């Protein structure tokens, strides 16, 4: 008879592709509300308790807000929660 040769199967993929989940507008608003309320509450204490200048204070507040929005983004498995951050936070820090 005839000899049939079948090609070897490729190995299974060992990576897990994370699918983004849909995040409600309420969740996005909550992320930004928590971040903005937090830095608004911390700003006076940070400014008076340290000898940081305005730029360093802004950087510290930015880091706090970034961590909060990133946590919401990570928890919801959707990095798009973080996208508006670049437009919203600079305006808030400027006030």
N, C-alpha and C. Protein backbone atom coordinates (compact mmCIF):
# COMPACT_ATOMS: atom_id res chain seq x y z
N UNK A 1 0.75 -1.15 0.00
CA UNK A 1 0.00 0.00 0.00
C UNK A 1 0.84 1.27 0.00
N UNK A 2 0.09 2.31 0.03
CA UNK A 2 0.68 3.65 0.03
C UNK A 2 0.99 4.08 1.46
N UNK A 3 2.07 4.78 1.60
CA UNK A 3 2.47 5.31 2.90
C UNK A 3 1.97 6.74 2.99
N UNK A 4 1.19 7.01 3.98
CA UNK A 4 0.66 8.37 4.14
C UNK A 4 1.46 9.07 5.23
N UNK A 5 1.96 10.23 4.90
CA UNK A 5 2.74 11.02 5.85
C UNK A 5 1.94 12.26 6.20
N UNK A 6 1.71 12.42 7.48
CA UNK A 6 0.99 13.61 7.93
C UNK A 6 1.98 14.54 8.62
N UNK A 7 1.84 15.81 8.37
CA UNK A 7 2.76 16.75 9.02
C UNK A 7 2.53 16.78 10.52
N UNK A 8 3.56 17.07 11.28
CA UNK A 8 3.39 17.12 12.74
C UNK A 8 2.50 18.29 13.14
N UNK A 9 1.80 18.12 14.21
CA UNK A 9 0.96 19.20 14.72
C UNK A 9 1.82 20.25 15.40
N UNK A 10 1.44 21.49 15.23
CA UNK A 10 2.20 22.53 15.95
C UNK A 10 1.90 22.42 17.44
N UNK A 11 2.85 22.82 18.27
CA UNK A 11 2.61 22.76 19.72
C UNK A 11 1.51 23.74 20.10
N UNK A 12 0.80 23.43 21.17
CA UNK A 12 -0.26 24.36 21.60
C UNK A 12 0.36 25.68 22.06
N UNK A 13 -0.38 26.73 21.89
CA UNK A 13 0.10 28.04 22.33
C UNK A 13 0.13 28.07 23.86
N UNK A 14 1.17 28.62 24.39
CA UNK A 14 1.32 28.66 25.84
C UNK A 14 1.10 30.05 26.40
N UNK A 15 0.64 30.94 25.57
CA UNK A 15 0.37 32.27 26.09
C UNK A 15 -1.14 32.45 26.19
N UNK A 16 -1.51 33.31 27.08
CA UNK A 16 -2.93 33.60 27.27
C UNK A 16 -3.18 35.02 26.80
N UNK A 17 -3.97 35.17 25.80
CA UNK A 17 -4.28 36.49 25.28
C UNK A 17 -5.44 37.06 26.10
N UNK A 18 -5.18 38.17 26.76
CA UNK A 18 -6.20 38.77 27.59
C UNK A 18 -7.13 39.61 26.73
N UNK A 19 -8.37 39.32 26.78
CA UNK A 19 -9.35 40.07 26.03
C UNK A 19 -9.84 41.23 26.88
N UNK A 20 -9.95 42.39 26.27
CA UNK A 20 -10.48 43.53 27.00
C UNK A 20 -11.96 43.33 27.26
N UNK A 21 -12.38 43.82 28.37
CA UNK A 21 -13.79 43.74 28.70
C UNK A 21 -14.41 45.12 28.52
N UNK A 22 -15.68 45.14 28.31
CA UNK A 22 -16.38 46.41 28.15
C UNK A 22 -16.57 47.01 29.54
N UNK A 23 -16.25 48.26 29.65
CA UNK A 23 -16.36 48.97 30.92
C UNK A 23 -17.44 50.04 30.78
N UNK A 24 -18.29 50.12 31.76
CA UNK A 24 -19.38 51.10 31.69
C UNK A 24 -18.84 52.50 31.92
N UNK A 25 -19.59 53.47 31.45
CA UNK A 25 -19.22 54.87 31.66
C UNK A 25 -19.21 55.19 33.15
N UNK A 26 -20.07 54.54 33.91
CA UNK A 26 -20.12 54.75 35.36
C UNK A 26 -18.80 54.33 36.01
N UNK A 27 -18.24 53.22 35.56
CA UNK A 27 -16.97 52.77 36.11
C UNK A 27 -15.86 53.75 35.77
N UNK A 28 -15.85 54.25 34.54
CA UNK A 28 -14.84 55.25 34.16
C UNK A 28 -14.99 56.52 34.98
N UNK A 29 -16.22 56.98 35.13
CA UNK A 29 -16.45 58.18 35.93
C UNK A 29 -16.02 57.96 37.39
N UNK A 30 -16.29 56.78 37.90
CA UNK A 30 -15.90 56.47 39.28
C UNK A 30 -14.39 56.50 39.44
N UNK A 31 -13.67 55.96 38.46
CA UNK A 31 -12.21 55.95 38.52
C UNK A 31 -11.67 57.37 38.60
N UNK A 32 -12.18 58.24 37.74
CA UNK A 32 -11.71 59.62 37.73
C UNK A 32 -12.19 60.40 38.93
N UNK A 33 -13.39 60.13 39.41
CA UNK A 33 -13.88 60.81 40.60
C UNK A 33 -13.02 60.45 41.82
N UNK A 34 -12.73 59.16 41.97
CA UNK A 34 -11.89 58.73 43.10
C UNK A 34 -10.50 59.35 43.00
N UNK A 35 -9.92 59.35 41.81
CA UNK A 35 -8.58 59.92 41.63
C UNK A 35 -8.58 61.42 41.93
N UNK A 36 -9.54 62.16 41.37
CA UNK A 36 -9.57 63.61 41.57
C UNK A 36 -9.90 63.99 43.00
N UNK A 37 -10.82 63.28 43.64
CA UNK A 37 -11.14 63.54 45.05
C UNK A 37 -9.92 63.24 45.92
N UNK A 38 -9.23 62.16 45.61
CA UNK A 38 -8.05 61.78 46.40
C UNK A 38 -6.95 62.83 46.32
N UNK A 39 -6.62 63.27 45.11
CA UNK A 39 -5.53 64.25 45.01
C UNK A 39 -5.96 65.62 45.53
N UNK A 40 -7.25 65.93 45.44
CA UNK A 40 -7.74 67.18 46.01
C UNK A 40 -7.62 67.15 47.53
N UNK A 41 -7.88 66.01 48.13
CA UNK A 41 -7.77 65.87 49.58
C UNK A 41 -6.32 65.86 50.04
N UNK A 42 -5.44 65.28 49.25
CA UNK A 42 -4.04 65.14 49.64
C UNK A 42 -3.23 66.41 49.36
N UNK A 43 -3.61 67.18 48.37
CA UNK A 43 -2.82 68.33 47.91
C UNK A 43 -2.47 69.32 49.02
N UNK A 44 -3.43 69.79 49.82
CA UNK A 44 -3.05 70.76 50.86
C UNK A 44 -2.07 70.20 51.88
N UNK A 45 -2.27 68.96 52.27
CA UNK A 45 -1.37 68.32 53.24
C UNK A 45 0.02 68.15 52.64
N UNK A 46 0.07 67.71 51.40
CA UNK A 46 1.35 67.49 50.72
C UNK A 46 2.10 68.81 50.57
N UNK A 47 1.40 69.86 50.22
CA UNK A 47 2.03 71.17 50.02
C UNK A 47 2.55 71.76 51.32
N UNK A 48 1.80 71.59 52.42
CA UNK A 48 2.22 72.20 53.68
C UNK A 48 3.19 71.33 54.48
N UNK A 49 3.14 70.03 54.32
CA UNK A 49 3.98 69.13 55.12
C UNK A 49 5.35 68.88 54.51
N UNK A 50 5.53 69.25 53.27
CA UNK A 50 6.81 69.02 52.61
C UNK A 50 7.35 70.32 52.05
N UNK A 51 8.60 70.29 51.68
CA UNK A 51 9.21 71.48 51.08
C UNK A 51 9.27 71.35 49.56
N UNK A 52 8.36 70.56 49.01
CA UNK A 52 8.32 70.38 47.57
C UNK A 52 7.84 71.66 46.89
N UNK A 53 8.40 71.93 45.76
CA UNK A 53 7.93 73.05 44.96
C UNK A 53 6.66 72.66 44.22
N UNK A 54 6.08 73.58 43.49
CA UNK A 54 4.83 73.29 42.80
C UNK A 54 4.95 72.18 41.75
N UNK A 55 6.07 72.13 41.04
CA UNK A 55 6.23 71.07 40.03
C UNK A 55 6.38 69.70 40.68
N UNK A 56 7.14 69.62 41.76
CA UNK A 56 7.30 68.34 42.46
C UNK A 56 5.99 67.90 43.11
N UNK A 57 5.25 68.87 43.64
CA UNK A 57 3.94 68.55 44.22
C UNK A 57 3.01 68.02 43.13
N UNK A 58 3.01 68.68 41.97
CA UNK A 58 2.20 68.21 40.84
C UNK A 58 2.59 66.82 40.40
N UNK A 59 3.88 66.55 40.38
CA UNK A 59 4.36 65.21 40.00
C UNK A 59 3.88 64.16 41.00
N UNK A 60 3.96 64.48 42.29
CA UNK A 60 3.50 63.54 43.32
C UNK A 60 1.99 63.29 43.20
N UNK A 61 1.23 64.34 42.97
CA UNK A 61 -0.22 64.19 42.80
C UNK A 61 -0.55 63.40 41.54
N UNK A 62 0.21 63.64 40.49
CA UNK A 62 0.04 62.89 39.25
C UNK A 62 0.30 61.41 39.48
N UNK A 63 1.34 61.10 40.24
CA UNK A 63 1.66 59.70 40.53
C UNK A 63 0.53 59.03 41.32
N UNK A 64 -0.04 59.75 42.27
CA UNK A 64 -1.15 59.20 43.07
C UNK A 64 -2.36 58.93 42.17
N UNK A 65 -2.72 59.92 41.36
CA UNK A 65 -3.88 59.77 40.47
C UNK A 65 -3.64 58.67 39.44
N UNK A 66 -2.42 58.59 38.93
CA UNK A 66 -2.08 57.54 37.96
C UNK A 66 -2.27 56.16 38.59
N UNK A 67 -1.81 55.98 39.80
CA UNK A 67 -1.94 54.68 40.48
C UNK A 67 -3.41 54.31 40.67
N UNK A 68 -4.24 55.29 41.01
CA UNK A 68 -5.66 55.01 41.23
C UNK A 68 -6.35 54.63 39.92
N UNK A 69 -6.12 55.41 38.86
CA UNK A 69 -6.76 55.11 37.58
C UNK A 69 -6.22 53.79 37.01
N UNK A 70 -4.93 53.54 37.20
CA UNK A 70 -4.36 52.26 36.75
C UNK A 70 -5.00 51.09 37.49
N UNK A 71 -5.25 51.25 38.77
CA UNK A 71 -5.88 50.17 39.55
C UNK A 71 -7.29 49.87 39.01
N UNK A 72 -8.06 50.92 38.70
CA UNK A 72 -9.37 50.71 38.09
C UNK A 72 -9.24 50.02 36.74
N UNK A 73 -8.26 50.46 35.94
CA UNK A 73 -8.03 49.88 34.62
C UNK A 73 -7.66 48.41 34.73
N UNK A 74 -6.78 48.10 35.66
CA UNK A 74 -6.34 46.72 35.87
C UNK A 74 -7.49 45.85 36.38
N UNK A 75 -8.26 46.38 37.32
CA UNK A 75 -9.37 45.62 37.89
C UNK A 75 -10.46 45.33 36.86
N UNK A 76 -10.65 46.25 35.92
CA UNK A 76 -11.69 46.05 34.91
C UNK A 76 -11.16 45.37 33.66
N UNK A 77 -9.85 45.06 33.63
CA UNK A 77 -9.22 44.38 32.49
C UNK A 77 -9.44 45.15 31.19
N UNK A 78 -9.31 46.48 31.27
CA UNK A 78 -9.49 47.30 30.09
C UNK A 78 -8.63 48.55 30.22
N UNK A 79 -7.58 48.60 29.42
CA UNK A 79 -6.65 49.72 29.50
C UNK A 79 -7.25 51.02 28.97
N UNK A 80 -8.39 50.96 28.32
CA UNK A 80 -9.02 52.17 27.80
C UNK A 80 -9.54 53.07 28.92
N UNK A 81 -9.69 52.55 30.12
CA UNK A 81 -10.08 53.38 31.25
C UNK A 81 -9.03 54.47 31.46
N UNK A 82 -7.80 54.16 31.16
CA UNK A 82 -6.68 55.07 31.39
C UNK A 82 -6.55 56.13 30.29
N UNK A 83 -7.13 55.94 29.13
CA UNK A 83 -6.94 56.83 27.99
C UNK A 83 -7.28 58.30 28.25
N UNK A 84 -8.44 58.63 28.82
CA UNK A 84 -8.76 60.05 29.02
C UNK A 84 -7.90 60.73 30.07
N UNK A 85 -7.14 59.95 30.82
CA UNK A 85 -6.33 60.49 31.91
C UNK A 85 -5.41 61.61 31.42
N UNK A 86 -4.88 61.47 30.22
CA UNK A 86 -3.92 62.45 29.71
C UNK A 86 -4.57 63.79 29.40
N UNK A 87 -5.87 63.81 29.23
CA UNK A 87 -6.58 65.07 28.97
C UNK A 87 -7.16 65.67 30.25
N UNK A 88 -7.59 64.83 31.16
CA UNK A 88 -8.30 65.30 32.35
C UNK A 88 -7.33 65.80 33.42
N UNK A 89 -6.32 65.05 33.75
CA UNK A 89 -5.48 65.39 34.89
C UNK A 89 -4.70 66.69 34.71
N UNK A 90 -4.09 66.97 33.58
CA UNK A 90 -3.35 68.24 33.47
C UNK A 90 -4.24 69.46 33.74
N UNK A 91 -5.49 69.40 33.33
CA UNK A 91 -6.40 70.52 33.60
C UNK A 91 -6.64 70.66 35.11
N UNK A 92 -6.81 69.53 35.78
CA UNK A 92 -7.06 69.55 37.22
C UNK A 92 -5.84 70.04 37.98
N UNK A 93 -4.65 69.61 37.58
CA UNK A 93 -3.44 70.04 38.26
C UNK A 93 -3.16 71.52 38.03
N UNK A 94 -3.62 72.05 36.91
CA UNK A 94 -3.43 73.45 36.62
C UNK A 94 -4.27 74.38 37.48
N UNK A 95 -5.33 73.82 38.05
CA UNK A 95 -6.23 74.63 38.89
C UNK A 95 -5.65 74.72 40.25
